[in-house]
């Protein structure tokens, strides 16, 4: 019998890991989408200046609904952690895209307004802009 070499063992382990990852994704991605849908369709959002107790009370129905779905789908505790991570990944991606887009637009506005981005202005240019804006503000009163 031929003894397997290290390279083939590593390749086999990697293939097994990829298969397990694919199976996990098949279970967890749809549930992450369900989590986001449950949050989006929830009518009792509490955000901002609220207590921990108010938050727990507001979102308890969402958690119960999700746990029921997890039980139906035979989701493990480990899967639940992955599901939460996937849902957060989606929210963080949207947030990152929004922030980056807004920052890009702000840089474009700065460039149009000042002829360059603010961090490219010299102190002399900044002083001139401040003085000219002050004159404009005073004359418009």
C-alpha atoms as a PDB file:
ATOM      1  CA  UNK A   1       0.000   0.000   0.000  1.00  0.00           C
ATOM      2  CA  UNK A   2       1.305   3.390  -1.029  1.00  0.00           C
ATOM      3  CA  UNK A   3       1.879   5.862   1.778  1.00  0.00           C
ATOM      4  CA  UNK A   4       0.144   9.241   1.151  1.00  0.00           C
ATOM      5  CA  UNK A   5       2.477  12.183   0.936  1.00  0.00           C
ATOM      6  CA  UNK A   6       2.026  15.419   2.854  1.00  0.00           C
ATOM      7  CA  UNK A   7       1.000  17.366  -0.236  1.00  0.00           C
ATOM      8  CA  UNK A   8      -1.892  15.015  -1.003  1.00  0.00           C
ATOM      9  CA  UNK A   9      -3.029  15.062   2.651  1.00  0.00           C
ATOM     10  CA  UNK A  10      -3.082  18.868   2.657  1.00  0.00           C
ATOM     11  CA  UNK A  11      -4.972  18.904  -0.649  1.00  0.00           C
ATOM     12  CA  UNK A  12      -7.515  16.414   0.698  1.00  0.00           C
ATOM     13  CA  UNK A  13      -7.983  18.406   3.921  1.00  0.00           C
ATOM     14  CA  UNK A  14      -8.456  21.604   1.935  1.00  0.00           C
ATOM     15  CA  UNK A  15     -11.080  19.971  -0.292  1.00  0.00           C
ATOM     16  CA  UNK A  16     -12.930  18.665   2.777  1.00  0.00           C
ATOM     17  CA  UNK A  17     -12.835  22.140   4.327  1.00  0.00           C
ATOM     18  CA  UNK A  18     -14.197  23.688   1.107  1.00  0.00           C
ATOM     19  CA  UNK A  19     -17.042  21.135   1.071  1.00  0.00           C
ATOM     20  CA  UNK A  20     -17.879  21.860   4.724  1.00  0.00           C
ATOM     21  CA  UNK A  21     -17.771  25.591   4.013  1.00  0.00           C
ATOM     22  CA  UNK A  22     -20.112  25.131   1.038  1.00  0.00           C
ATOM     23  CA  UNK A  23     -22.553  23.112   3.154  1.00  0.00           C
ATOM     24  CA  UNK A  24     -22.407  25.717   5.939  1.00  0.00           C
ATOM     25  CA  UNK A  25     -23.102  28.503   3.452  1.00  0.00           C
ATOM     26  CA  UNK A  26     -26.066  26.580   2.037  1.00  0.00           C
ATOM     27  CA  UNK A  27     -27.551  26.440   5.551  1.00  0.00           C
ATOM     28  CA  UNK A  28     -26.508  29.831   6.857  1.00  0.00           C
ATOM     29  CA  UNK A  29     -26.833  32.300   3.977  1.00  0.00           C
ATOM     30  CA  UNK A  30     -30.616  31.828   3.600  1.00  0.00           C
ATOM     31  CA  UNK A  31     -31.013  32.181   7.367  1.00  0.00           C
ATOM     32  CA  UNK A  32     -28.935  35.376   7.369  1.00  0.00           C
ATOM     33  CA  UNK A  33     -31.317  36.732   4.735  1.00  0.00           C
ATOM     34  CA  UNK A  34     -34.250  35.674   6.961  1.00  0.00           C
ATOM     35  CA  UNK A  35     -32.647  37.517   9.889  1.00  0.00           C
ATOM     36  CA  UNK A  36     -32.356  40.705   7.831  1.00  0.00           C
ATOM     37  CA  UNK A  37     -35.950  40.334   6.576  1.00  0.00           C
ATOM     38  CA  UNK A  38     -37.181  39.826  10.142  1.00  0.00           C
ATOM     39  CA  UNK A  39     -35.412  42.998  11.247  1.00  0.00           C
ATOM     40  CA  UNK A  40     -36.655  44.995   8.257  1.00  0.00           C
ATOM     41  CA  UNK A  41     -40.273  43.941   8.685  1.00  0.00           C
ATOM     42  CA  UNK A  42     -40.321  44.431  12.465  1.00  0.00           C
ATOM     43  CA  UNK A  43     -42.802  47.131  13.489  1.00  0.00           C
ATOM     44  CA  UNK A  44     -41.476  47.865  16.976  1.00  0.00           C
ATOM     45  CA  UNK A  45     -38.015  49.281  16.358  1.00  0.00           C
ATOM     46  CA  UNK A  46     -36.445  51.097  19.284  1.00  0.00           C
ATOM     47  CA  UNK A  47     -33.347  53.055  18.380  1.00  0.00           C
ATOM     48  CA  UNK A  48     -31.376  55.930  19.775  1.00  0.00           C
ATOM     49  CA  UNK A  49     -31.677  56.934  23.390  1.00  0.00           C
ATOM     50  CA  UNK A  50     -33.311  53.815  24.836  1.00  0.00           C
ATOM     51  CA  UNK A  51     -32.491  51.575  27.764  1.00  0.00           C
ATOM     52  CA  UNK A  52     -31.179  48.042  27.498  1.00  0.00           C
ATOM     53  CA  UNK A  53     -34.510  46.782  28.823  1.00  0.00           C
ATOM     54  CA  UNK A  54     -36.416  48.702  26.132  1.00  0.00           C
ATOM     55  CA  UNK A  55     -34.185  47.208  23.450  1.00  0.00           C
ATOM     56  CA  UNK A  56     -34.628  43.681  24.777  1.00  0.00           C
ATOM     57  CA  UNK A  57     -38.384  44.118  24.960  1.00  0.00           C
ATOM     58  CA  UNK A  58     -38.617  45.654  21.489  1.00  0.00           C
ATOM     59  CA  UNK A  59     -36.649  42.915  19.741  1.00  0.00           C
ATOM     60  CA  UNK A  60     -37.782  39.868  21.714  1.00  0.00           C
ATOM     61  CA  UNK A  61     -40.461  39.017  19.098  1.00  0.00           C
ATOM     62  CA  UNK A  62     -37.801  39.035  16.367  1.00  0.00           C
ATOM     63  CA  UNK A  63     -35.533  36.729  18.360  1.00  0.00           C
ATOM     64  CA  UNK A  64     -38.382  34.315  19.121  1.00  0.00           C
ATOM     65  CA  UNK A  65     -39.366  34.230  15.432  1.00  0.00           C
ATOM     66  CA  UNK A  66     -35.767  33.574  14.382  1.00  0.00           C
ATOM     67  CA  UNK A  67     -35.217  30.868  17.001  1.00  0.00           C
ATOM     68  CA  UNK A  68     -38.353  29.115  15.735  1.00  0.00           C
ATOM     69  CA  UNK A  69     -36.971  29.205  12.182  1.00  0.00           C
ATOM     70  CA  UNK A  70     -33.583  27.949  13.433  1.00  0.00           C
ATOM     71  CA  UNK A  71     -35.265  25.014  15.167  1.00  0.00           C
ATOM     72  CA  UNK A  72     -37.254  24.161  12.046  1.00  0.00           C
ATOM     73  CA  UNK A  73     -34.096  24.259   9.930  1.00  0.00           C
ATOM     74  CA  UNK A  74     -32.039  22.291  12.487  1.00  0.00           C
ATOM     75  CA  UNK A  75     -29.527  25.159  12.848  1.00  0.00           C
ATOM     76  CA  UNK A  76     -26.681  24.600  15.300  1.00  0.00           C
ATOM     77  CA  UNK A  77     -25.373  27.142  17.795  1.00  0.00           C
ATOM     78  CA  UNK A  78     -22.251  27.430  15.643  1.00  0.00           C
ATOM     79  CA  UNK A  79     -24.420  28.063  12.587  1.00  0.00           C
ATOM     80  CA  UNK A  80     -26.250  30.827  14.474  1.00  0.00           C
ATOM     81  CA  UNK A  81     -22.955  32.602  15.084  1.00  0.00           C
ATOM     82  CA  UNK A  82     -22.131  32.357  11.373  1.00  0.00           C
ATOM     83  CA  UNK A  83     -25.622  33.588  10.456  1.00  0.00           C
ATOM     84  CA  UNK A  84     -25.177  36.639  12.682  1.00  0.00           C
ATOM     85  CA  UNK A  85     -21.755  37.309  11.163  1.00  0.00           C
ATOM     86  CA  UNK A  86     -23.176  37.063   7.627  1.00  0.00           C
ATOM     87  CA  UNK A  87     -26.015  39.474   8.441  1.00  0.00           C
ATOM     88  CA  UNK A  88     -23.581  41.940  10.023  1.00  0.00           C
ATOM     89  CA  UNK A  89     -21.323  41.582   6.976  1.00  0.00           C
ATOM     90  CA  UNK A  90     -24.207  42.723   4.762  1.00  0.00           C
ATOM     91  CA  UNK A  91     -25.075  45.701   6.994  1.00  0.00           C
ATOM     92  CA  UNK A  92     -21.413  46.691   7.310  1.00  0.00           C
ATOM     93  CA  UNK A  93     -20.959  46.452   3.524  1.00  0.00           C
ATOM     94  CA  UNK A  94     -23.912  48.767   2.912  1.00  0.00           C
ATOM     95  CA  UNK A  95     -22.656  51.170   5.587  1.00  0.00           C
ATOM     96  CA  UNK A  96     -19.133  51.169   4.145  1.00  0.00           C
ATOM     97  CA  UNK A  97     -20.439  51.803   0.634  1.00  0.00           C
ATOM     98  CA  UNK A  98     -22.625  54.663   1.863  1.00  0.00           C
ATOM     99  CA  UNK A  99     -19.806  56.297   3.836  1.00  0.00           C
ATOM    100  CA  UNK A 100     -17.293  55.917   1.007  1.00  0.00           C
ATOM    101  CA  UNK A 101     -19.760  57.305  -1.542  1.00  0.00           C
ATOM    102  CA  UNK A 102     -20.637  60.250   0.683  1.00  0.00           C
ATOM    103  CA  UNK A 103     -16.960  60.991   1.328  1.00  0.00           C
ATOM    104  CA  UNK A 104     -16.253  60.831  -2.402  1.00  0.00           C
ATOM    105  CA  UNK A 105     -19.073  63.284  -3.100  1.00  0.00           C
ATOM    106  CA  UNK A 106     -17.831  65.607  -0.355  1.00  0.00           C
ATOM    107  CA  UNK A 107     -14.308  65.532  -1.827  1.00  0.00           C
ATOM    108  CA  UNK A 108     -15.765  66.407  -5.249  1.00  0.00           C
ATOM    109  CA  UNK A 109     -17.734  69.314  -3.755  1.00  0.00           C
ATOM    110  CA  UNK A 110     -14.607  70.557  -1.970  1.00  0.00           C
ATOM    111  CA  UNK A 111     -12.648  70.370  -5.192  1.00  0.00           C
ATOM    112  CA  UNK A 112     -15.331  72.307  -7.088  1.00  0.00           C
ATOM    113  CA  UNK A 113     -15.703  74.888  -4.316  1.00  0.00           C
ATOM    114  CA  UNK A 114     -12.027  75.399  -3.509  1.00  0.00           C
ATOM    115  CA  UNK A 115     -10.267  74.261  -6.671  1.00  0.00           C
ATOM    116  CA  UNK A 116      -8.678  71.380  -4.769  1.00  0.00           C
ATOM    117  CA  UNK A 117      -9.356  69.114  -1.850  1.00  0.00           C
ATOM    118  CA  UNK A 118      -9.095  70.749   1.549  1.00  0.00           C
ATOM    119  CA  UNK A 119      -5.986  68.818   2.550  1.00  0.00           C
ATOM    120  CA  UNK A 120      -4.266  70.116  -0.618  1.00  0.00           C
ATOM    121  CA  UNK A 121      -4.901  73.797   0.197  1.00  0.00           C
ATOM    122  CA  UNK A 122      -1.980  75.847   1.390  1.00  0.00           C
ATOM    123  CA  UNK A 123      -2.434  77.945   4.509  1.00  0.00           C
ATOM    124  CA  UNK A 124      -2.212  81.055   2.343  1.00  0.00           C
ATOM    125  CA  UNK A 125      -5.065  79.811   0.116  1.00  0.00           C
ATOM    126  CA  UNK A 126      -7.091  78.883   3.185  1.00  0.00           C
ATOM    127  CA  UNK A 127      -6.551  82.346   4.670  1.00  0.00           C
ATOM    128  CA  UNK A 128      -7.640  84.000   1.408  1.00  0.00           C
ATOM    129  CA  UNK A 129     -10.762  81.811   1.233  1.00  0.00           C
ATOM    130  CA  UNK A 130     -11.666  82.598   4.820  1.00  0.00           C
ATOM    131  CA  UNK A 131     -11.249  86.317   4.251  1.00  0.00           C
ATOM    132  CA  UNK A 132     -13.289  86.235   1.039  1.00  0.00           C
ATOM    133  CA  UNK A 133     -16.087  84.239   2.731  1.00  0.00           C
ATOM    134  CA  UNK A 134     -16.089  86.688   5.639  1.00  0.00           C
ATOM    135  CA  UNK A 135     -16.463  89.597   3.227  1.00  0.00           C
ATOM    136  CA  UNK A 136     -19.299  87.779   1.409  1.00  0.00           C
ATOM    137  CA  UNK A 137     -21.073  86.981   4.704  1.00  0.00           C
ATOM    138  CA  UNK A 138     -20.823  90.580   5.966  1.00  0.00           C
ATOM    139  CA  UNK A 139     -22.016  92.102   2.684  1.00  0.00           C
ATOM    140  CA  UNK A 140     -25.019  89.777   2.496  1.00  0.00           C
ATOM    141  CA  UNK A 141     -26.337  90.956   5.908  1.00  0.00           C
END
